[in-house]
Amino acid sequence: QLQLVESGGGLVQPGGSLRLSCAASGFTLDSYTIGWFRQAPGKEREGVSCISSNEYDTYYTNSVKGRFTISRDNAKNTVYLQMNSLEPEDTAVYYCAADYIRPAEAMCALSQRYLEYWGQGTLVTVSS
């Protein structure tokens, strides 16, 4: 059974950093594009950053460019999202999702209903 488990969320002050992890079980990540999405209260889920299976094709939404870095370690079956210079607007539940061999930007542009595999989410709160 394919499972994704996020971790690393928490409360952080503006300007701080967090690293989120997305660990896969029941399948190997090698052939999957992995995306980080977030959903703030009252808003739709949006694609934040995605990375293709070859790790060289990455996408970032404009609001996180230069602050967030996505990476993957296929040997550990894990994808990471390093978040620096966090802002209150980054507060949301962060989810990872998996999609089979899709370009990174295309995956991040997909609506929630088009992606089958999701983790349970991890809450990131940026507040002083």
C-alpha atoms as a PDB file:
ATOM      1  CA  GLN A   1       0.000   0.000   0.000  1.00  0.00           C
ATOM      2  CA  LEU A   2       1.433   3.328  -1.069  1.00  0.00           C
ATOM      3  CA  GLN A   3       1.837   5.728   1.857  1.00  0.00           C
ATOM      4  CA  LEU A   4       3.325   9.174   2.297  1.00  0.00           C
ATOM      5  CA  VAL A   5       4.112  10.563   5.738  1.00  0.00           C
ATOM      6  CA  GLU A   6       5.046  14.208   6.331  1.00  0.00           C
ATOM      7  CA  SER A   7       6.972  15.468   9.336  1.00  0.00           C
ATOM      8  CA  GLY A   8       8.884  18.527  10.461  1.00  0.00           C
ATOM      9  CA  GLY A   9       6.132  21.074  10.885  1.00  0.00           C
ATOM     10  CA  GLY A  10       5.801  23.299  13.926  1.00  0.00           C
ATOM     11  CA  LEU A  11       5.706  26.817  15.278  1.00  0.00           C
ATOM     12  CA  VAL A  12       8.433  29.169  14.144  1.00  0.00           C
ATOM     13  CA  GLN A  13       8.988  32.917  14.354  1.00  0.00           C
ATOM     14  CA  PRO A  14       9.035  35.061  11.212  1.00  0.00           C
ATOM     15  CA  GLY A  15      12.435  34.804   9.567  1.00  0.00           C
ATOM     16  CA  GLY A  16      12.989  31.322  10.942  1.00  0.00           C
ATOM     17  CA  SER A  17      13.508  28.000   9.177  1.00  0.00           C
ATOM     18  CA  LEU A  18      11.978  24.557   9.069  1.00  0.00           C
ATOM     19  CA  ARG A  19      12.719  21.419   7.082  1.00  0.00           C
ATOM     20  CA  LEU A  20       9.808  19.231   6.107  1.00  0.00           C
ATOM     21  CA  SER A  21      10.229  15.573   5.215  1.00  0.00           C
ATOM     22  CA  CYS A  22       8.011  13.346   3.105  1.00  0.00           C
ATOM     23  CA  ALA A  23       8.782   9.659   3.624  1.00  0.00           C
ATOM     24  CA  ALA A  24       7.336   7.041   1.311  1.00  0.00           C
ATOM     25  CA  SER A  25       6.481   3.444   2.110  1.00  0.00           C
ATOM     26  CA  GLY A  26       4.955   0.679   0.049  1.00  0.00           C
ATOM     27  CA  PHE A  27       6.626   1.930  -3.108  1.00  0.00           C
ATOM     28  CA  THR A  28       9.907   3.466  -4.264  1.00  0.00           C
ATOM     29  CA  LEU A  29      10.034   7.125  -5.189  1.00  0.00           C
ATOM     30  CA  ASP A  30      12.412   6.639  -8.126  1.00  0.00           C
ATOM     31  CA  SER A  31       9.770   6.994 -10.842  1.00  0.00           C
ATOM     32  CA  TYR A  32       7.534   9.529  -9.107  1.00  0.00           C
ATOM     33  CA  THR A  33       7.341  13.262  -9.182  1.00  0.00           C
ATOM     34  CA  ILE A  34       6.801  14.523  -5.646  1.00  0.00           C
ATOM     35  CA  GLY A  35       5.098  17.761  -4.797  1.00  0.00           C
ATOM     36  CA  TRP A  36       4.630  19.893  -1.708  1.00  0.00           C
ATOM     37  CA  PHE A  37       1.257  21.585  -1.482  1.00  0.00           C
ATOM     38  CA  ARG A  38      -0.188  23.780   1.240  1.00  0.00           C
ATOM     39  CA  GLN A  39      -3.614  24.772   2.390  1.00  0.00           C
ATOM     40  CA  ALA A  40      -4.291  27.777   4.586  1.00  0.00           C
ATOM     41  CA  PRO A  41      -7.613  28.196   6.412  1.00  0.00           C
ATOM     42  CA  GLY A  42     -10.342  29.211   3.990  1.00  0.00           C
ATOM     43  CA  LYS A  43      -8.133  28.817   0.935  1.00  0.00           C
ATOM     44  CA  GLU A  44      -7.693  26.204  -1.745  1.00  0.00           C
ATOM     45  CA  ARG A  45      -4.752  23.836  -1.704  1.00  0.00           C
ATOM     46  CA  GLU A  46      -1.896  25.214  -3.800  1.00  0.00           C
ATOM     47  CA  GLY A  47       1.252  23.736  -5.268  1.00  0.00           C
ATOM     48  CA  VAL A  48       4.337  25.120  -3.509  1.00  0.00           C
ATOM     49  CA  SER A  49       7.195  23.130  -4.987  1.00  0.00           C
ATOM     50  CA  CYS A  50       7.581  19.964  -7.025  1.00  0.00           C
ATOM     51  CA  ILE A  51      10.526  17.794  -8.050  1.00  0.00           C
ATOM     52  CA  SER A  52      10.606  15.219 -10.805  1.00  0.00           C
ATOM     53  CA  SER A  53      12.080  11.751 -10.500  1.00  0.00           C
ATOM     54  CA  ASN A  54      15.423  12.835 -12.002  1.00  0.00           C
ATOM     55  CA  GLU A  55      15.701  15.642  -9.353  1.00  0.00           C
ATOM     56  CA  TYR A  56      16.869  18.181 -11.959  1.00  0.00           C
ATOM     57  CA  ASP A  57      13.396  19.308 -12.921  1.00  0.00           C
ATOM     58  CA  THR A  58      12.058  21.461 -10.095  1.00  0.00           C
ATOM     59  CA  TYR A  59       9.338  24.059  -9.771  1.00  0.00           C
ATOM     60  CA  TYR A  60       8.616  26.732  -7.161  1.00  0.00           C
ATOM     61  CA  THR A  61       5.618  28.973  -6.892  1.00  0.00           C
ATOM     62  CA  ASN A  62       6.615  32.637  -7.092  1.00  0.00           C
ATOM     63  CA  SER A  63       5.960  33.429  -3.435  1.00  0.00           C
ATOM     64  CA  VAL A  64       8.587  30.938  -2.204  1.00  0.00           C
ATOM     65  CA  LYS A  65      11.316  31.331  -4.825  1.00  0.00           C
ATOM     66  CA  GLY A  66      14.658  32.048  -3.205  1.00  0.00           C
ATOM     67  CA  ARG A  67      13.392  30.958   0.218  1.00  0.00           C
ATOM     68  CA  PHE A  68      12.390  27.304  -0.189  1.00  0.00           C
ATOM     69  CA  THR A  69      14.471  24.436  -1.588  1.00  0.00           C
ATOM     70  CA  ILE A  70      13.115  21.048  -2.569  1.00  0.00           C
ATOM     71  CA  SER A  71      15.360  17.977  -2.706  1.00  0.00           C
ATOM     72  CA  ARG A  72      15.070  14.239  -2.757  1.00  0.00           C
ATOM     73  CA  ASP A  73      17.071  11.283  -1.482  1.00  0.00           C
ATOM     74  CA  ASN A  74      15.859   8.241  -3.382  1.00  0.00           C
ATOM     75  CA  ALA A  75      18.079   5.951  -1.297  1.00  0.00           C
ATOM     76  CA  LYS A  76      16.107   7.057   1.767  1.00  0.00           C
ATOM     77  CA  ASN A  77      12.833   7.188  -0.149  1.00  0.00           C
ATOM     78  CA  THR A  78      12.343  10.710   1.149  1.00  0.00           C
ATOM     79  CA  VAL A  79      11.744  14.183  -0.244  1.00  0.00           C
ATOM     80  CA  TYR A  80      12.559  17.333   1.719  1.00  0.00           C
ATOM     81  CA  LEU A  81      11.411  20.938   1.693  1.00  0.00           C
ATOM     82  CA  GLN A  82      13.858  23.358   3.300  1.00  0.00           C
ATOM     83  CA  MET A  83      11.989  26.530   4.210  1.00  0.00           C
ATOM     84  CA  ASN A  84      13.981  29.624   5.119  1.00  0.00           C
ATOM     85  CA  SER A  85      12.981  33.228   5.824  1.00  0.00           C
ATOM     86  CA  LEU A  86       9.513  32.075   6.767  1.00  0.00           C
ATOM     87  CA  GLU A  87       6.709  34.604   6.715  1.00  0.00           C
ATOM     88  CA  PRO A  88       3.303  34.598   8.428  1.00  0.00           C
ATOM     89  CA  GLU A  89       1.776  34.067   4.978  1.00  0.00           C
ATOM     90  CA  ASP A  90       3.486  30.657   4.861  1.00  0.00           C
ATOM     91  CA  THR A  91       1.252  29.413   7.672  1.00  0.00           C
ATOM     92  CA  ALA A  92      -0.673  26.403   6.400  1.00  0.00           C
ATOM     93  CA  VAL A  93      -0.979  22.646   6.500  1.00  0.00           C
ATOM     94  CA  TYR A  94       1.680  21.274   4.178  1.00  0.00           C
ATOM     95  CA  TYR A  95       1.000  18.078   2.248  1.00  0.00           C
ATOM     96  CA  CYS A  96       3.176  15.982  -0.008  1.00  0.00           C
ATOM     97  CA  ALA A  97       1.789  14.146  -3.008  1.00  0.00           C
ATOM     98  CA  ALA A  98       3.128  11.641  -5.526  1.00  0.00           C
ATOM     99  CA  ASP A  99       2.436  11.409  -9.237  1.00  0.00           C
ATOM    100  CA  TYR A 100       3.907   8.995 -11.726  1.00  0.00           C
ATOM    101  CA  ILE A 101       6.385  10.594 -14.142  1.00  0.00           C
ATOM    102  CA  ARG A 102       4.919  14.051 -14.602  1.00  0.00           C
ATOM    103  CA  PRO A 103       6.937  17.258 -15.158  1.00  0.00           C
ATOM    104  CA  ALA A 104       7.371  19.213 -11.953  1.00  0.00           C
ATOM    105  CA  GLU A 105       5.566  22.377 -13.018  1.00  0.00           C
ATOM    106  CA  ALA A 106       2.670  20.372 -14.422  1.00  0.00           C
ATOM    107  CA  MET A 107       2.219  18.517 -11.163  1.00  0.00           C
ATOM    108  CA  CYS A 108       2.268  21.679  -9.067  1.00  0.00           C
ATOM    109  CA  ALA A 109      -0.429  23.164 -11.300  1.00  0.00           C
ATOM    110  CA  LEU A 110      -2.823  20.289 -10.721  1.00  0.00           C
ATOM    111  CA  SER A 111      -5.885  20.655  -8.572  1.00  0.00           C
ATOM    112  CA  GLN A 112      -6.151  18.424  -5.533  1.00  0.00           C
ATOM    113  CA  ARG A 113      -8.769  16.165  -7.119  1.00  0.00           C
ATOM    114  CA  TYR A 114      -6.387  15.079  -9.887  1.00  0.00           C
ATOM    115  CA  LEU A 115      -3.757  13.632  -7.542  1.00  0.00           C
ATOM    116  CA  GLU A 116      -4.397  10.252  -5.990  1.00  0.00           C
ATOM    117  CA  TYR A 117      -1.599   9.867  -3.432  1.00  0.00           C
ATOM    118  CA  TRP A 118      -1.390  12.265  -0.469  1.00  0.00           C
ATOM    119  CA  GLY A 119       0.118  12.342   2.971  1.00  0.00           C
ATOM    120  CA  GLN A 120      -1.832  13.380   6.045  1.00  0.00           C
ATOM    121  CA  GLY A 121      -0.242  16.819   6.275  1.00  0.00           C
ATOM    122  CA  THR A 122       1.932  18.682   8.755  1.00  0.00           C
ATOM    123  CA  LEU A 123       1.069  22.077  10.230  1.00  0.00           C
ATOM    124  CA  VAL A 124       3.438  25.002   9.822  1.00  0.00           C
ATOM    125  CA  THR A 125       2.672  28.090  11.896  1.00  0.00           C
ATOM    126  CA  VAL A 126       4.746  31.232  11.446  1.00  0.00           C
ATOM    127  CA  SER A 127       4.031  33.670  14.223  1.00  0.00           C
ATOM    128  CA  SER A 128       5.766  35.850  16.775  1.00  0.00           C
END
